[in-house]
C-alpha atoms as a PDB file:
ATOM      1  CA  MET A   1      73.029  54.026 137.510  1.00  0.00           C
ATOM      2  CA  ARG A   2      75.819  56.173 138.389  1.00  0.00           C
ATOM      3  CA  ILE A   3      76.110  57.801 135.484  1.00  0.00           C
ATOM      4  CA  ALA A   4      72.136  59.379 136.172  1.00  0.00           C
ATOM      5  CA  VAL A   5      73.356  59.823 139.757  1.00  0.00           C
ATOM      6  CA  ALA A   6      76.564  61.524 138.316  1.00  0.00           C
ATOM      7  CA  LEU A   7      74.120  63.978 136.471  1.00  0.00           C
ATOM      8  CA  LEU A   8      72.155  64.703 138.993  1.00  0.00           C
ATOM      9  CA  LEU A   9      74.888  65.709 141.161  1.00  0.00           C
ATOM     10  CA  VAL A  10      76.458  67.960 138.232  1.00  0.00           C
ATOM     11  CA  ALA A  11      73.377  69.866 137.828  1.00  0.00           C
ATOM     12  CA  ALA A  12      73.139  70.918 141.216  1.00  0.00           C
ATOM     13  CA  SER A  13      76.900  71.723 142.007  1.00  0.00           C
ATOM     14  CA  ILE A  14      76.044  73.671 138.478  1.00  0.00           C
ATOM     15  CA  GLY A  15      73.572  75.547 139.663  1.00  0.00           C
ATOM     16  CA  ALA A  16      74.511  76.305 143.671  1.00  0.00           C
ATOM     17  CA  ALA A  17      73.986  79.488 143.232  1.00  0.00           C
ATOM     18  CA  CYS A  18      69.918  79.211 142.980  1.00  0.00           C
ATOM     19  CA  ALA A  19      67.947  81.560 144.427  1.00  0.00           C
ATOM     20  CA  ASP A  20      66.767  80.564 147.854  1.00  0.00           C
ATOM     21  CA  ASP A  21      62.715  80.821 146.346  1.00  0.00           C
ATOM     22  CA  GLY A  22      64.299  78.570 143.163  1.00  0.00           C
ATOM     23  CA  SER A  23      62.871  81.869 141.236  1.00  0.00           C
ATOM     24  CA  ASP A  24      63.980  82.279 137.652  1.00  0.00           C
ATOM     25  CA  THR A  25      66.142  85.088 137.588  1.00  0.00           C
ATOM     26  CA  ARG A  26      66.798  85.138 133.405  1.00  0.00           C
ATOM     27  CA  GLY A  27      64.431  87.512 133.559  1.00  0.00           C
ATOM     28  CA  SER A  28      66.423  90.521 130.497  1.00  0.00           C
ATOM     29  CA  ALA A  29      64.551  91.282 127.890  1.00  0.00           C
ATOM     30  CA  GLY A  30      64.786  89.564 124.473  1.00  0.00           C
ATOM     31  CA  VAL A  31      66.208  86.087 125.981  1.00  0.00           C
ATOM     32  CA  ASP A  32      62.846  84.573 127.173  1.00  0.00           C
ATOM     33  CA  ASP A  33      63.736  81.535 125.099  1.00  0.00           C
ATOM     34  CA  ILE A  34      66.661  81.102 126.963  1.00  0.00           C
ATOM     35  CA  GLN A  35      66.645  78.270 129.513  1.00  0.00           C
ATOM     36  CA  VAL A  36      69.481  78.297 132.380  1.00  0.00           C
ATOM     37  CA  PRO A  37      69.234  77.022 136.149  1.00  0.00           C
ATOM     38  CA  ASP A  38      67.470  78.729 138.457  1.00  0.00           C
ATOM     39  CA  GLY A  39      70.607  81.268 139.741  1.00  0.00           C
ATOM     40  CA  TYR A  40      71.779  82.465 136.383  1.00  0.00           C
ATOM     41  CA  ALA A  41      70.879  85.229 134.596  1.00  0.00           C
ATOM     42  CA  VAL A  42      71.063  85.883 130.838  1.00  0.00           C
ATOM     43  CA  GLU A  43      71.947  89.106 129.057  1.00  0.00           C
ATOM     44  CA  ILE A  44      72.158  90.261 125.274  1.00  0.00           C
ATOM     45  CA  VAL A  45      75.608  92.171 124.719  1.00  0.00           C
ATOM     46  CA  VAL A  46      76.427  91.783 121.065  1.00  0.00           C
ATOM     47  CA  GLU A  47      73.830  91.817 118.223  1.00  0.00           C
ATOM     48  CA  GLY A  48      74.212  91.656 114.345  1.00  0.00           C
ATOM     49  CA  LEU A  49      77.211  89.081 113.584  1.00  0.00           C
ATOM     50  CA  SER A  50      76.752  87.066 109.918  1.00  0.00           C
ATOM     51  CA  GLY A  51      78.022  83.311 110.925  1.00  0.00           C
ATOM     52  CA  PRO A  52      80.572  83.874 113.927  1.00  0.00           C
ATOM     53  CA  THR A  53      83.022  80.957 113.966  1.00  0.00           C
ATOM     54  CA  GLN A  54      85.179  82.173 117.295  1.00  0.00           C
ATOM     55  CA  VAL A  55      85.748  84.921 119.543  1.00  0.00           C
ATOM     56  CA  ALA A  56      88.326  85.927 121.936  1.00  0.00           C
ATOM     57  CA  LEU A  57      89.504  88.980 123.935  1.00  0.00           C
ATOM     58  CA  GLY A  58      91.146  92.118 122.726  1.00  0.00           C
ATOM     59  CA  PRO A  59      92.630  94.981 123.907  1.00  0.00           C
ATOM     60  CA  ASP A  60      90.692  97.638 125.585  1.00  0.00           C
ATOM     61  CA  ARG A  61      87.661  95.748 126.495  1.00  0.00           C
ATOM     62  CA  GLY A  62      87.231  94.959 122.737  1.00  0.00           C
ATOM     63  CA  LEU A  63      85.956  91.380 121.801  1.00  0.00           C
ATOM     64  CA  VAL A  64      87.558  89.707 118.286  1.00  0.00           C
ATOM     65  CA  VAL A  65      84.967  87.983 116.099  1.00  0.00           C
ATOM     66  CA  ALA A  66      86.060  85.649 113.733  1.00  0.00           C
ATOM     67  CA  GLU A  67      82.595  85.431 111.012  1.00  0.00           C
ATOM     68  CA  LEU A  68      82.002  83.705 107.403  1.00  0.00           C
ATOM     69  CA  ASN A  69      79.748  86.647 106.930  1.00  0.00           C
ATOM     70  CA  GLY A  70      78.634  84.753 104.042  1.00  0.00           C
ATOM     71  CA  ALA A  71      78.590  80.935 102.494  1.00  0.00           C
ATOM     72  CA  GLU A  72      80.885  78.967 104.159  1.00  0.00           C
ATOM     73  CA  ARG A  73      83.275  79.232 101.063  1.00  0.00           C
ATOM     74  CA  ALA A  74      82.635  82.570  99.325  1.00  0.00           C
ATOM     75  CA  GLY A  75      85.693  84.363 100.650  1.00  0.00           C
ATOM     76  CA  THR A  76      83.902  87.018 101.978  1.00  0.00           C
ATOM     77  CA  GLY A  77      84.778  86.247 105.796  1.00  0.00           C
ATOM     78  CA  ARG A  78      86.225  88.479 108.495  1.00  0.00           C
ATOM     79  CA  VAL A  79      87.470  89.843 111.697  1.00  0.00           C
ATOM     80  CA  LEU A  80      86.245  92.239 113.678  1.00  0.00           C
ATOM     81  CA  LEU A  81      86.754  94.481 116.607  1.00  0.00           C
ATOM     82  CA  ILE A  82      83.822  95.312 118.742  1.00  0.00           C
ATOM     83  CA  ASP A  83      83.810  97.216 122.235  1.00  0.00           C
ATOM     84  CA  LEU A  84      82.302  95.687 124.680  1.00  0.00           C
ATOM     85  CA  ASP A  85      81.251  98.687 126.955  1.00  0.00           C
ATOM     86  CA  ASP A  86      79.693 100.271 123.323  1.00  0.00           C
ATOM     87  CA  PRO A  87      78.915  97.022 121.433  1.00  0.00           C
ATOM     88  CA  THR A  88      77.532  99.414 118.401  1.00  0.00           C
ATOM     89  CA  THR A  89      80.898 100.606 118.045  1.00  0.00           C
ATOM     90  CA  ARG A  90      82.868  98.100 115.861  1.00  0.00           C
ATOM     91  CA  ARG A  91      85.348  98.190 113.147  1.00  0.00           C
ATOM     92  CA  THR A  92      86.469  95.304 110.193  1.00  0.00           C
ATOM     93  CA  LEU A  93      89.920  94.468 111.283  1.00  0.00           C
ATOM     94  CA  VAL A  94      90.560  91.744 108.137  1.00  0.00           C
ATOM     95  CA  ASP A  95      88.113  91.178 105.443  1.00  0.00           C
ATOM     96  CA  ALA A  96      87.891  88.623 101.738  1.00  0.00           C
ATOM     97  CA  LEU A  97      88.562  85.692 104.309  1.00  0.00           C
ATOM     98  CA  LEU A  98      88.020  81.579 102.992  1.00  0.00           C
ATOM     99  CA  THR A  99      86.079  80.245 105.633  1.00  0.00           C
ATOM    100  CA  PRO A 100      87.650  81.621 109.050  1.00  0.00           C
ATOM    101  CA  THR A 101      87.286  79.042 111.663  1.00  0.00           C
ATOM    102  CA  GLY A 102      90.166  80.534 114.001  1.00  0.00           C
ATOM    103  CA  VAL A 103      91.115  83.803 115.890  1.00  0.00           C
ATOM    104  CA  ALA A 104      93.279  84.275 118.639  1.00  0.00           C
ATOM    105  CA  VAL A 105      94.962  87.844 120.326  1.00  0.00           C
ATOM    106  CA  ASP A 106      98.502  86.595 121.289  1.00  0.00           C
ATOM    107  CA  GLY A 107      99.880  89.688 123.180  1.00  0.00           C
ATOM    108  CA  ASP A 108     100.550  92.385 120.158  1.00  0.00           C
ATOM    109  CA  LEU A 109      99.654  89.188 117.116  1.00  0.00           C
ATOM    110  CA  LEU A 110      96.066  88.649 115.736  1.00  0.00           C
ATOM    111  CA  TRP A 111      96.263  84.613 114.183  1.00  0.00           C
ATOM    112  CA  ILE A 112      93.919  83.818 111.985  1.00  0.00           C
ATOM    113  CA  MET A 113      93.002  80.225 110.918  1.00  0.00           C
ATOM    114  CA  GLU A 114      90.976  79.950 107.435  1.00  0.00           C
ATOM    115  CA  GLN A 115      89.610  77.089 105.223  1.00  0.00           C
ATOM    116  CA  ARG A 116      93.873  75.270 105.177  1.00  0.00           C
ATOM    117  CA  ARG A 117      95.647  78.875 106.070  1.00  0.00           C
ATOM    118  CA  LEU A 118      97.056  80.311 109.092  1.00  0.00           C
ATOM    119  CA  THR A 119      97.962  84.217 109.047  1.00  0.00           C
ATOM    120  CA  VAL A 120      99.237  86.307 111.884  1.00  0.00           C
ATOM    121  CA  GLY A 121      99.746  90.392 112.159  1.00  0.00           C
ATOM    122  CA  PRO A 122      99.907  92.716 114.462  1.00  0.00           C
ATOM    123  CA  ILE A 123      96.424  94.037 115.686  1.00  0.00           C
ATOM    124  CA  ALA A 124      97.293  97.225 115.644  1.00  0.00           C
ATOM    125  CA  GLU A 125      97.608  96.898 111.539  1.00  0.00           C
ATOM    126  CA  PRO A 126      95.962  93.525 110.927  1.00  0.00           C
ATOM    127  CA  THR A 127      96.170  93.789 107.392  1.00  0.00           C
ATOM    128  CA  ASP A 128     100.106  93.867 107.370  1.00  0.00           C
ATOM    129  CA  ARG A 129     100.131  90.188 107.944  1.00  0.00           C
ATOM    130  CA  THR A 130     102.028  87.149 107.238  1.00  0.00           C
ATOM    131  CA  VAL A 131     100.903  83.882 105.587  1.00  0.00           C
ATOM    132  CA  VAL A 132     102.671  81.273 108.067  1.00  0.00           C
ATOM    133  CA  LEU A 133     101.545  78.158 107.171  1.00  0.00           C
ATOM    134  CA  ASP A 134      99.507  77.363 103.829  1.00  0.00           C
ATOM    135  CA  ASP A 135      98.060  74.292 102.218  1.00  0.00           C
ATOM    136  CA  LEU A 136      97.903  72.712 105.677  1.00  0.00           C
ATOM    137  CA  PRO A 137      95.769  69.047 105.612  1.00  0.00           C
ATOM    138  CA  TYR A 138      92.497  68.861 106.206  1.00  0.00           C
ATOM    139  CA  ASN A 139      89.046  67.158 105.913  1.00  0.00           C
ATOM    140  CA  GLY A 140      88.019  68.689 102.741  1.00  0.00           C
ATOM    141  CA  ARG A 141      86.081  71.593 104.592  1.00  0.00           C
ATOM    142  CA  SER A 142      88.429  73.392 107.118  1.00  0.00           C
ATOM    143  CA  GLU A 143      89.969  73.520 110.506  1.00  0.00           C
ATOM    144  CA  GLY A 144      88.986  74.417 113.872  1.00  0.00           C
ATOM    145  CA  THR A 145      89.788  77.317 116.081  1.00  0.00           C
ATOM    146  CA  ILE A 146      92.632  78.552 117.769  1.00  0.00           C
ATOM    147  CA  SER A 147      93.781  78.846 121.434  1.00  0.00           C
ATOM    148  CA  ALA A 148      96.808  81.384 122.585  1.00  0.00           C
ATOM    149  CA  VAL A 149      99.018  79.811 125.318  1.00  0.00           C
ATOM    150  CA  ALA A 150      99.999  81.420 128.269  1.00  0.00           C
ATOM    151  CA  GLY A 151     103.581  82.497 128.108  1.00  0.00           C
ATOM    152  CA  GLY A 152     103.562  82.803 124.160  1.00  0.00           C
ATOM    153  CA  GLY A 153     102.581  80.855 121.397  1.00  0.00           C
ATOM    154  CA  ILE A 154      99.344  79.126 119.952  1.00  0.00           C
ATOM    155  CA  LEU A 155      97.834  75.922 119.476  1.00  0.00           C
ATOM    156  CA  TYR A 156      95.977  74.832 116.751  1.00  0.00           C
ATOM    157  CA  ASP A 157      94.560  71.671 115.010  1.00  0.00           C
ATOM    158  CA  THR A 158      94.915  70.244 111.272  1.00  0.00           C
ATOM    159  CA  SER A 159      92.051  67.999 110.981  1.00  0.00           C
ATOM    160  CA  GLY A 160      91.638  64.571 110.274  1.00  0.00           C
ATOM    161  CA  ARG A 161      92.079  63.082 106.420  1.00  0.00           C
ATOM    162  CA  LEU A 162      92.498  59.252 105.827  1.00  0.00           C
ATOM    163  CA  GLN A 163      95.421  58.268 103.429  1.00  0.00           C
ATOM    164  CA  GLY A 164      95.761  54.358 102.863  1.00  0.00           C
ATOM    165  CA  GLY A 165      93.639  53.555 106.058  1.00  0.00           C
ATOM    166  CA  ARG A 166      95.657  55.624 108.225  1.00  0.00           C
ATOM    167  CA  LEU A 167      96.038  59.406 109.289  1.00  0.00           C
ATOM    168  CA  ALA A 168      97.494  61.087 106.297  1.00  0.00           C
ATOM    169  CA  GLU A 169     100.661  62.970 107.049  1.00  0.00           C
ATOM    170  CA  GLY A 170     100.224  66.278 109.549  1.00  0.00           C
ATOM    171  CA  ALA A 171      96.840  65.411 109.861  1.00  0.00           C
ATOM    172  CA  GLY A 172      94.466  64.773 113.046  1.00  0.00           C
ATOM    173  CA  ALA A 173      96.792  66.936 114.899  1.00  0.00           C
ATOM    174  CA  LEU A 174      97.192  69.343 117.816  1.00  0.00           C
ATOM    175  CA  TRP A 175     100.291  71.838 116.770  1.00  0.00           C
ATOM    176  CA  TYR A 176     102.022  74.138 118.943  1.00  0.00           C
ATOM    177  CA  LEU A 177     103.954  77.403 117.325  1.00  0.00           C
ATOM    178  CA  ALA A 178     106.026  79.476 119.741  1.00  0.00           C
ATOM    179  CA  GLY A 179     105.113  82.618 117.216  1.00  0.00           C
ATOM    180  CA  PRO A 180     105.684  83.613 113.352  1.00  0.00           C
ATOM    181  CA  ASP A 181     108.911  82.758 112.683  1.00  0.00           C
ATOM    182  CA  SER A 182     108.792  78.931 114.385  1.00  0.00           C
ATOM    183  CA  GLU A 183     108.471  75.536 112.883  1.00  0.00           C
ATOM    184  CA  PRO A 184     105.010  73.757 114.359  1.00  0.00           C
ATOM    185  CA  VAL A 185     105.821  71.000 116.874  1.00  0.00           C
ATOM    186  CA  GLN A 186     103.206  67.990 117.372  1.00  0.00           C
ATOM    187  CA  TYR A 187     101.594  68.455 120.504  1.00  0.00           C
ATOM    188  CA  ALA A 188      99.344  65.371 120.456  1.00  0.00           C
ATOM    189  CA  THR A 189      97.702  63.204 117.582  1.00  0.00           C
ATOM    190  CA  GLY A 190      95.266  60.738 116.274  1.00  0.00           C
ATOM    191  CA  PHE A 191      91.749  62.862 116.355  1.00  0.00           C
ATOM    192  CA  LYS A 192      89.768  63.419 113.261  1.00  0.00           C
ATOM    193  CA  HIS A 193      88.935  66.830 114.204  1.00  0.00           C
ATOM    194  CA  ALA A 194      90.100  68.746 117.241  1.00  0.00           C
ATOM    195  CA  TYR A 195      88.388  71.264 116.854  1.00  0.00           C
ATOM    196  CA  ALA A 196      88.310  73.291 120.158  1.00  0.00           C
ATOM    197  CA  HIS A 197      90.525  73.323 123.044  1.00  0.00           C
ATOM    198  CA  THR A 198      90.716  75.309 126.397  1.00  0.00           C
ATOM    199  CA  PRO A 199      93.717  74.600 129.479  1.00  0.00           C
ATOM    200  CA  VAL A 200      93.363  72.611 131.941  1.00  0.00           C
ATOM    201  CA  ASP A 201      96.735  73.482 133.805  1.00  0.00           C
ATOM    202  CA  ASP A 202     100.059  74.573 132.074  1.00  0.00           C
ATOM    203  CA  THR A 203     100.659  71.430 130.601  1.00  0.00           C
ATOM    204  CA  ARG A 204      97.344  69.952 129.398  1.00  0.00           C
ATOM    205  CA  TRP A 205      94.300  70.810 127.214  1.00  0.00           C
ATOM    206  CA  PHE A 206      90.666  69.744 127.402  1.00  0.00           C
ATOM    207  CA  VAL A 207      90.273  68.877 124.048  1.00  0.00           C
ATOM    208  CA  THR A 208      86.417  68.420 121.771  1.00  0.00           C
ATOM    209  CA  GLU A 209      87.029  65.804 119.443  1.00  0.00           C
ATOM    210  CA  ILE A 210      84.238  65.888 116.340  1.00  0.00           C
ATOM    211  CA  SER A 211      83.732  62.480 114.423  1.00  0.00           C
ATOM    212  CA  ASP A 212      81.706  61.706 111.274  1.00  0.00           C
ATOM    213  CA  GLY A 213      81.380  59.315 108.369  1.00  0.00           C
ATOM    214  CA  ARG A 214      81.213  55.370 109.310  1.00  0.00           C
ATOM    215  CA  LEU A 215      83.594  53.232 110.619  1.00  0.00           C
ATOM    216  CA  ASP A 216      82.770  49.565 111.171  1.00  0.00           C
ATOM    217  CA  GLY A 217      78.986  50.443 110.412  1.00  0.00           C
ATOM    218  CA  ARG A 218      78.396  52.907 112.585  1.00  0.00           C
ATOM    219  CA  VAL A 219      78.944  56.541 113.161  1.00  0.00           C
ATOM    220  CA  PRO A 220      81.741  57.033 116.215  1.00  0.00           C
ATOM    221  CA  PRO A 221      80.417  59.435 118.827  1.00  0.00           C
ATOM    222  CA  ASP A 222      81.720  62.830 119.400  1.00  0.00           C
ATOM    223  CA  GLU A 223      83.756  63.133 122.774  1.00  0.00           C
ATOM    224  CA  LEU A 224      85.737  65.281 125.091  1.00  0.00           C
ATOM    225  CA  VAL A 225      89.167  64.451 125.872  1.00  0.00           C
ATOM    226  CA  ILE A 226      92.283  65.542 128.422  1.00  0.00           C
ATOM    227  CA  ALA A 227      95.469  65.987 126.090  1.00  0.00           C
ATOM    228  CA  ALA A 228      99.062  66.091 127.199  1.00  0.00           C
ATOM    229  CA  SER A 229     101.748  66.080 124.921  1.00  0.00           C
ATOM    230  CA  GLY A 230     102.770  63.147 123.291  1.00  0.00           C
ATOM    231  CA  ASP A 231      99.539  61.579 123.305  1.00  0.00           C
ATOM    232  CA  ASP A 232      97.973  59.649 120.444  1.00  0.00           C
ATOM    233  CA  PHE A 233      94.234  59.182 120.264  1.00  0.00           C
ATOM    234  CA  ALA A 234      94.473  56.108 117.605  1.00  0.00           C
ATOM    235  CA  PHE A 235      91.860  57.427 115.135  1.00  0.00           C
ATOM    236  CA  PRO A 236      91.068  55.447 113.306  1.00  0.00           C
ATOM    237  CA  ARG A 237      92.118  52.378 114.824  1.00  0.00           C
ATOM    238  CA  CYS A 238      90.356  53.248 118.008  1.00  0.00           C
ATOM    239  CA  ILE A 239      87.229  55.848 118.546  1.00  0.00           C
ATOM    240  CA  GLY A 240      84.895  56.932 121.463  1.00  0.00           C
ATOM    241  CA  ASP A 241      86.427  55.809 124.807  1.00  0.00           C
ATOM    242  CA  ARG A 242      89.402  53.270 123.369  1.00  0.00           C
ATOM    243  CA  VAL A 243      86.524  51.234 121.391  1.00  0.00           C
ATOM    244  CA  PRO A 244      88.571  49.473 118.441  1.00  0.00           C
ATOM    245  CA  VAL A 245      87.265  49.507 114.821  1.00  0.00           C
ATOM    246  CA  ALA A 246      88.293  46.490 113.219  1.00  0.00           C
ATOM    247  CA  GLU A 247      88.746  47.422 109.918  1.00  0.00           C
ATOM    248  CA  PHE A 248      91.401  49.782 110.567  1.00  0.00           C
ATOM    249  CA  GLY A 249      93.066  46.853 112.918  1.00  0.00           C
ATOM    250  CA  GLY A 250      91.912  48.214 116.013  1.00  0.00           C
ATOM    251  CA  THR A 251      91.747  45.516 118.887  1.00  0.00           C
ATOM    252  CA  ALA A 252      91.546  46.309 122.833  1.00  0.00           C
ATOM    253  CA  ALA A 253      94.396  45.265 123.434  1.00  0.00           C
ATOM    254  CA  ASN A 254      96.497  48.130 120.813  1.00  0.00           C
ATOM    255  CA  CYS A 255      93.443  50.355 121.942  1.00  0.00           C
ATOM    256  CA  ALA A 256      93.975  50.183 125.748  1.00  0.00           C
ATOM    257  CA  GLY A 257      97.076  52.384 125.548  1.00  0.00           C
ATOM    258  CA  SER A 258      95.131  55.563 124.304  1.00  0.00           C
ATOM    259  CA  PRO A 259      94.125  58.024 126.650  1.00  0.00           C
ATOM    260  CA  ARG A 260      90.289  57.589 127.568  1.00  0.00           C
ATOM    261  CA  SER A 261      87.692  59.960 127.180  1.00  0.00           C
ATOM    262  CA  LEU A 262      86.463  62.466 129.742  1.00  0.00           C
ATOM    263  CA  ALA A 263      83.219  62.061 128.175  1.00  0.00           C
ATOM    264  CA  VAL A 264      81.352  60.768 125.525  1.00  0.00           C
ATOM    265  CA  PHE A 265      78.450  62.342 123.486  1.00  0.00           C
ATOM    266  CA  ALA A 266      75.978  60.869 121.008  1.00  0.00           C
ATOM    267  CA  PRO A 267      77.143  61.142 117.028  1.00  0.00           C
ATOM    268  CA  GLY A 268      76.567  63.980 115.326  1.00  0.00           C
ATOM    269  CA  SER A 269      76.388  66.348 118.100  1.00  0.00           C
ATOM    270  CA  THR A 270      79.446  68.516 117.232  1.00  0.00           C
ATOM    271  CA  PRO A 271      81.299  70.020 119.905  1.00  0.00           C
ATOM    272  CA  THR A 272      82.166  73.384 118.921  1.00  0.00           C
ATOM    273  CA  SER A 273      83.803  75.038 121.691  1.00  0.00           C
ATOM    274  CA  VAL A 274      84.906  74.189 125.713  1.00  0.00           C
ATOM    275  CA  VAL A 275      85.162  76.671 128.504  1.00  0.00           C
ATOM    276  CA  VAL A 276      86.159  75.986 132.222  1.00  0.00           C
ATOM    277  CA  ALA A 277      83.121  77.547 133.881  1.00  0.00           C
ATOM    278  CA  PRO A 278      84.091  80.836 135.279  1.00  0.00           C
ATOM    279  CA  TRP A 279      81.984  80.148 138.477  1.00  0.00           C
ATOM    280  CA  ASP A 280      83.325  77.159 139.471  1.00  0.00           C
ATOM    281  CA  PRO A 281      86.219  75.230 137.891  1.00  0.00           C
ATOM    282  CA  GLU A 282      85.129  71.703 139.123  1.00  0.00           C
ATOM    283  CA  PHE A 283      83.258  71.647 135.656  1.00  0.00           C
ATOM    284  CA  VAL A 284      83.818  72.574 132.170  1.00  0.00           C
ATOM    285  CA  LEU A 285      80.717  73.967 129.850  1.00  0.00           C
ATOM    286  CA  VAL A 286      80.654  72.253 126.298  1.00  0.00           C
ATOM    287  CA  ALA A 287      78.515  73.388 122.889  1.00  0.00           C
ATOM    288  CA  LEU A 288      77.202  70.684 121.343  1.00  0.00           C
ATOM    289  CA  TRP A 289      75.992  72.258 118.181  1.00  0.00           C
ATOM    290  CA  ASN A 290      73.775  69.823 116.552  1.00  0.00           C
ATOM    291  CA  GLN A 291      72.106  69.743 120.498  1.00  0.00           C
ATOM    292  CA  ALA A 292      71.092  73.171 120.744  1.00  0.00           C
ATOM    293  CA  GLN A 293      72.580  73.271 124.110  1.00  0.00           C
ATOM    294  CA  VAL A 294      75.313  73.828 126.192  1.00  0.00           C
ATOM    295  CA  VAL A 295      76.468  71.042 128.699  1.00  0.00           C
ATOM    296  CA  ALA A 296      78.246  70.847 131.572  1.00  0.00           C
ATOM    297  CA  VAL A 297      80.873  67.938 132.450  1.00  0.00           C
ATOM    298  CA  PRO A 298      83.113  67.901 135.580  1.00  0.00           C
ATOM    299  CA  ALA A 299      86.301  68.343 134.928  1.00  0.00           C
ATOM    300  CA  SER A 300      87.904  65.142 136.626  1.00  0.00           C
ATOM    301  CA  PRO A 301      87.685  61.489 135.353  1.00  0.00           C
ATOM    302  CA  VAL A 302      85.973  59.040 137.159  1.00  0.00           C
ATOM    303  CA  GLY A 303      87.542  56.002 135.646  1.00  0.00           C
ATOM    304  CA  GLN A 304      84.651  56.071 133.177  1.00  0.00           C
ATOM    305  CA  PRO A 305      83.461  58.727 130.502  1.00  0.00           C
ATOM    306  CA  HIS A 306      81.506  61.406 131.806  1.00  0.00           C
ATOM    307  CA  SER A 307      77.879  62.584 129.691  1.00  0.00           C
ATOM    308  CA  GLY A 308      77.217  66.387 129.832  1.00  0.00           C
ATOM    309  CA  ALA A 309      73.966  67.619 132.427  1.00  0.00           C
ATOM    310  CA  PRO A 310      72.387  70.065 130.577  1.00  0.00           C
ATOM    311  CA  PHE A 311      73.345  73.514 131.240  1.00  0.00           C
ATOM    312  CA  LEU A 312      71.596  76.397 128.649  1.00  0.00           C
ATOM    313  CA  SER A 313      69.310  75.443 125.643  1.00  0.00           C
ATOM    314  CA  GLY A 314      67.102  78.062 123.551  1.00  0.00           C
ATOM    315  CA  ILE A 315      69.620  78.906 121.055  1.00  0.00           C
ATOM    316  CA  GLU A 316      69.659  76.169 117.557  1.00  0.00           C
ATOM    317  CA  HIS A 317      73.167  76.399 117.348  1.00  0.00           C
ATOM    318  CA  PRO A 318      75.785  77.230 119.878  1.00  0.00           C
ATOM    319  CA  GLN A 319      78.827  78.207 118.472  1.00  0.00           C
ATOM    320  CA  VAL A 320      81.332  79.647 120.889  1.00  0.00           C
ATOM    321  CA  LEU A 321      81.817  79.682 124.786  1.00  0.00           C
ATOM    322  CA  LEU A 322      84.627  82.152 126.461  1.00  0.00           C
ATOM    323  CA  ALA A 323      84.802  83.688 129.897  1.00  0.00           C
ATOM    324  CA  ASP A 324      84.756  86.689 130.600  1.00  0.00           C
ATOM    325  CA  GLY A 325      85.910  87.402 133.993  1.00  0.00           C
ATOM    326  CA  ALA A 326      83.230  85.838 136.210  1.00  0.00           C
ATOM    327  CA  ARG A 327      80.553  85.583 132.944  1.00  0.00           C
ATOM    328  CA  LEU A 328      80.429  83.409 130.404  1.00  0.00           C
ATOM    329  CA  LEU A 329      79.894  84.649 126.936  1.00  0.00           C
ATOM    330  CA  VAL A 330      77.649  82.554 124.572  1.00  0.00           C
ATOM    331  CA  VAL A 331      78.076  82.904 121.047  1.00  0.00           C
ATOM    332  CA  ASP A 332      74.932  82.227 118.980  1.00  0.00           C
ATOM    333  CA  PHE A 333      75.515  80.710 115.137  1.00  0.00           C
ATOM    334  CA  ASP A 334      72.215  80.932 114.041  1.00  0.00           C
ATOM    335  CA  SER A 335      70.715  84.710 115.695  1.00  0.00           C
ATOM    336  CA  GLY A 336      74.120  86.394 115.572  1.00  0.00           C
ATOM    337  CA  ARG A 337      73.671  87.294 119.235  1.00  0.00           C
ATOM    338  CA  VAL A 338      76.499  87.335 122.113  1.00  0.00           C
ATOM    339  CA  LEU A 339      74.805  86.287 125.351  1.00  0.00           C
ATOM    340  CA  ALA A 340      76.813  86.763 128.820  1.00  0.00           C
ATOM    341  CA  VAL A 341      75.237  84.221 131.489  1.00  0.00           C
ATOM    342  CA  THR A 342      76.204  85.276 135.121  1.00  0.00           C
ATOM    343  CA  ALA A 343      75.739  83.435 138.281  1.00  0.00           C
ATOM    344  CA  GLN A 344      73.567  85.344 140.799  1.00  0.00           C
END
């Protein structure tokens, strides 16, 4: 009952900008299929993308977009630079990429995460790039996204791979890299796949955890957690909100030492992005790829995991969320559109 009440409060708070008459303010041509709370407007700002995986704000009102541009392992991925003031103006920065899932702009540097490789180059001449890390441990498919860190550097993850009943060396972790000539420093560990991250403050990060497979005969839930330096989330010994996995030696006692979940989602939800709501820092928004919706989650723990309150639906696979000033950019993987959501 407390969880249900909490969800109602979330929906009421995130929709606090409602028009007094309760009218629906969507109204933009081509977005009638998009459902948002009263008091929010949606418009299309970019169209024609091909399998977009992550976006970042670049120089001069530019939107940097990583996209598959074909089948996942075809090696046809690319990174585009799109002028948000004139979205028809776009150019290819880098092409022939293998499953690019991450892109970040750090000062004048452009970072790109491919299937198992991290590269960097000057955004002015990104084809002149350097392989910083190669043959990264991974889950047999890909790594996740990249986040620029305030003060310089990036945060990236290595997806989880089990070896001998535990995470393989270097797998299932978040890493901080200060620059192209620096050595990676492990920030937090014990993840299946810490796919997306956004800052809580100067020292902590909101992180989505994507699980798969079966542990103790059941599919684990997906999660949103708050990670601090040195945290161990204890996968595969523990899943969800400190739930022990007996087949890997998990017990209530040893799982009690891992951080709690901020939110727990249904197995297979696949949270591919998280961002602080531009209009209310008390909430974060999470893209649930397989649930075909964006949900709102209170940004602070309450002693038990939150669920997500529906915020946006009508997109088959929401891939990326990005705050652009006071508006939220929502990237639709299937249609190749970028939507802008604003509070009225």
